[in-house]
Protein backbone atom coordinates (compact mmCIF):
# COMPACT_ATOMS: atom_id res chain seq x y z
CA MET A 1 113.99 130.54 119.47
CA ILE A 2 113.47 129.05 116.14
CA ARG A 3 111.15 131.12 113.87
CA ILE A 4 108.40 128.68 112.43
CA ASP A 5 106.00 130.59 109.69
CA GLU A 6 104.38 127.45 108.63
CA ILE A 7 103.40 123.75 110.00
CA TRP A 8 102.90 120.86 107.59
CA LEU A 9 102.11 117.31 108.76
CA ALA A 10 102.55 114.38 106.40
CA THR A 11 99.88 111.68 106.49
CA GLU A 12 102.31 108.77 105.41
CA PRO A 13 104.44 107.24 108.16
CA LEU A 14 108.23 107.71 108.50
CA ASP A 15 110.88 105.22 110.03
CA MET A 16 111.82 106.64 113.13
CA ARG A 17 115.29 105.42 112.52
CA ALA A 18 115.72 108.28 109.89
CA GLY A 19 118.16 110.86 110.88
CA PRO A 20 118.22 114.33 109.23
CA ASP A 21 119.20 113.45 105.86
CA THR A 22 116.65 110.88 105.03
CA ALA A 23 113.98 113.20 106.78
CA LEU A 24 115.02 116.04 104.51
CA ALA A 25 114.74 113.75 101.66
CA ARG A 26 111.11 112.72 102.73
CA VAL A 27 110.25 116.54 103.03
CA VAL A 28 111.48 117.23 99.52
CA ALA A 29 109.67 114.11 98.08
CA VAL A 30 106.34 114.99 99.92
CA PHE A 31 106.23 118.67 100.15
CA GLY A 32 108.36 119.56 96.85
CA ALA A 33 111.06 121.42 98.71
CA ALA A 34 111.85 122.19 102.27
CA LYS A 35 111.11 126.08 102.67
CA PRO A 36 112.93 128.10 105.48
CA HIS A 37 110.76 128.61 108.38
CA CYS A 38 108.55 125.81 108.06
CA ALA A 39 108.40 122.82 110.04
CA TYR A 40 107.48 119.47 108.63
CA LEU A 41 105.98 116.52 111.21
CA PHE A 42 106.00 112.89 110.58
CA ALA A 43 104.99 109.91 112.70
CA ASN A 44 105.78 106.27 112.65
CA ARG A 45 103.15 103.61 111.57
CA ARG A 46 101.71 103.26 115.12
CA ALA A 47 101.51 107.05 115.62
CA THR A 48 103.19 106.53 119.18
CA ARG A 49 106.40 108.67 117.91
CA MET A 50 106.73 111.94 116.15
CA LYS A 51 109.85 113.78 114.19
CA VAL A 52 109.53 117.28 113.09
CA LEU A 53 112.13 118.72 110.91
CA VAL A 54 112.42 122.35 110.85
CA HIS A 55 114.37 124.32 108.24
CA ASP A 56 115.79 127.77 110.09
CA GLY A 57 117.04 129.45 106.85
CA LEU A 58 120.50 128.06 107.48
CA GLY A 59 120.41 124.50 108.26
CA VAL A 60 117.69 121.76 109.44
CA TRP A 61 116.86 120.86 112.99
CA LEU A 62 115.31 117.48 114.14
CA ALA A 63 113.49 116.50 116.78
CA ALA A 64 111.68 113.62 118.17
CA ARG A 65 108.73 112.98 120.62
CA ARG A 66 107.71 109.62 121.88
CA LEU A 67 104.18 108.77 123.87
CA HIS A 68 104.33 106.37 126.75
CA GLN A 69 100.84 105.99 126.42
CA GLY A 70 98.14 106.36 123.71
CA LYS A 71 98.68 107.70 120.46
CA PHE A 72 99.14 110.70 118.54
CA LYS A 73 95.81 111.76 116.58
CA TRP A 74 97.15 111.56 113.13
CA PRO A 75 95.11 112.14 110.00
CA GLU A 76 94.34 109.09 107.54
CA ALA A 77 96.24 108.87 104.56
CA TRP A 78 93.35 108.92 102.34
CA ARG A 79 92.44 112.54 103.32
CA GLY A 80 96.00 113.43 101.18
CA ASP A 81 99.53 113.28 101.58
CA ARG A 82 100.15 116.79 103.75
CA VAL A 83 98.03 118.87 105.95
CA GLU A 84 98.74 122.64 107.18
CA LEU A 85 98.38 123.23 110.76
CA HIS A 86 98.04 126.16 112.98
CA PRO A 87 100.09 126.92 116.24
CA GLU A 88 96.85 125.84 118.20
CA GLN A 89 96.69 122.61 116.33
CA LEU A 90 100.39 121.77 116.79
CA GLN A 91 100.02 122.33 120.68
CA ALA A 92 97.14 119.95 120.80
CA LEU A 93 98.39 117.49 118.47
CA VAL A 94 101.58 117.33 120.68
CA GLN A 95 99.64 116.64 123.73
CA GLY A 96 97.80 113.76 122.08
CA LEU A 97 94.38 116.15 121.84
CA PRO A 98 91.96 115.99 119.12
CA TRP A 99 93.60 118.71 117.29
CA GLN A 100 91.39 118.69 114.18
CA ARG A 101 88.79 120.68 116.20
CA PHE A 102 91.21 123.69 116.87
CA GLY A 103 91.52 126.43 114.37
CA PRO A 104 92.96 129.82 114.58
CA ALA A 105 92.65 131.58 117.75
CA GLY A 106 91.07 128.70 119.37
CA VAL A 107 87.88 128.73 117.42
CA ILE A 108 86.25 125.42 116.80
CA SER A 109 85.70 124.60 113.23
CA VAL A 110 84.91 120.91 112.85
CA LEU A 111 82.00 119.55 114.49
């Protein structure tokens, strides 16, 4: 399994035709650098597709997920260009749940 210490979500959409090099360039543009053991999440404009770029310390992995119904609950761009997620929030996000309500250890932090 790939070790992931930090999970970052970009609020600006990414063209889902982007390959690893384009996604890596976007990570550097938005986050300043691609740090080892970090995952960077991007969605398309309609929030029906997601790409995750992970730097494992040796190279990068690029994965994609597509929803056939509904949308990912993506934050709005006005809240900033990036958001840090906890593992519980990532699990909720990829299932299409309102991840903003989950914090560390399943604690609800936003009412």
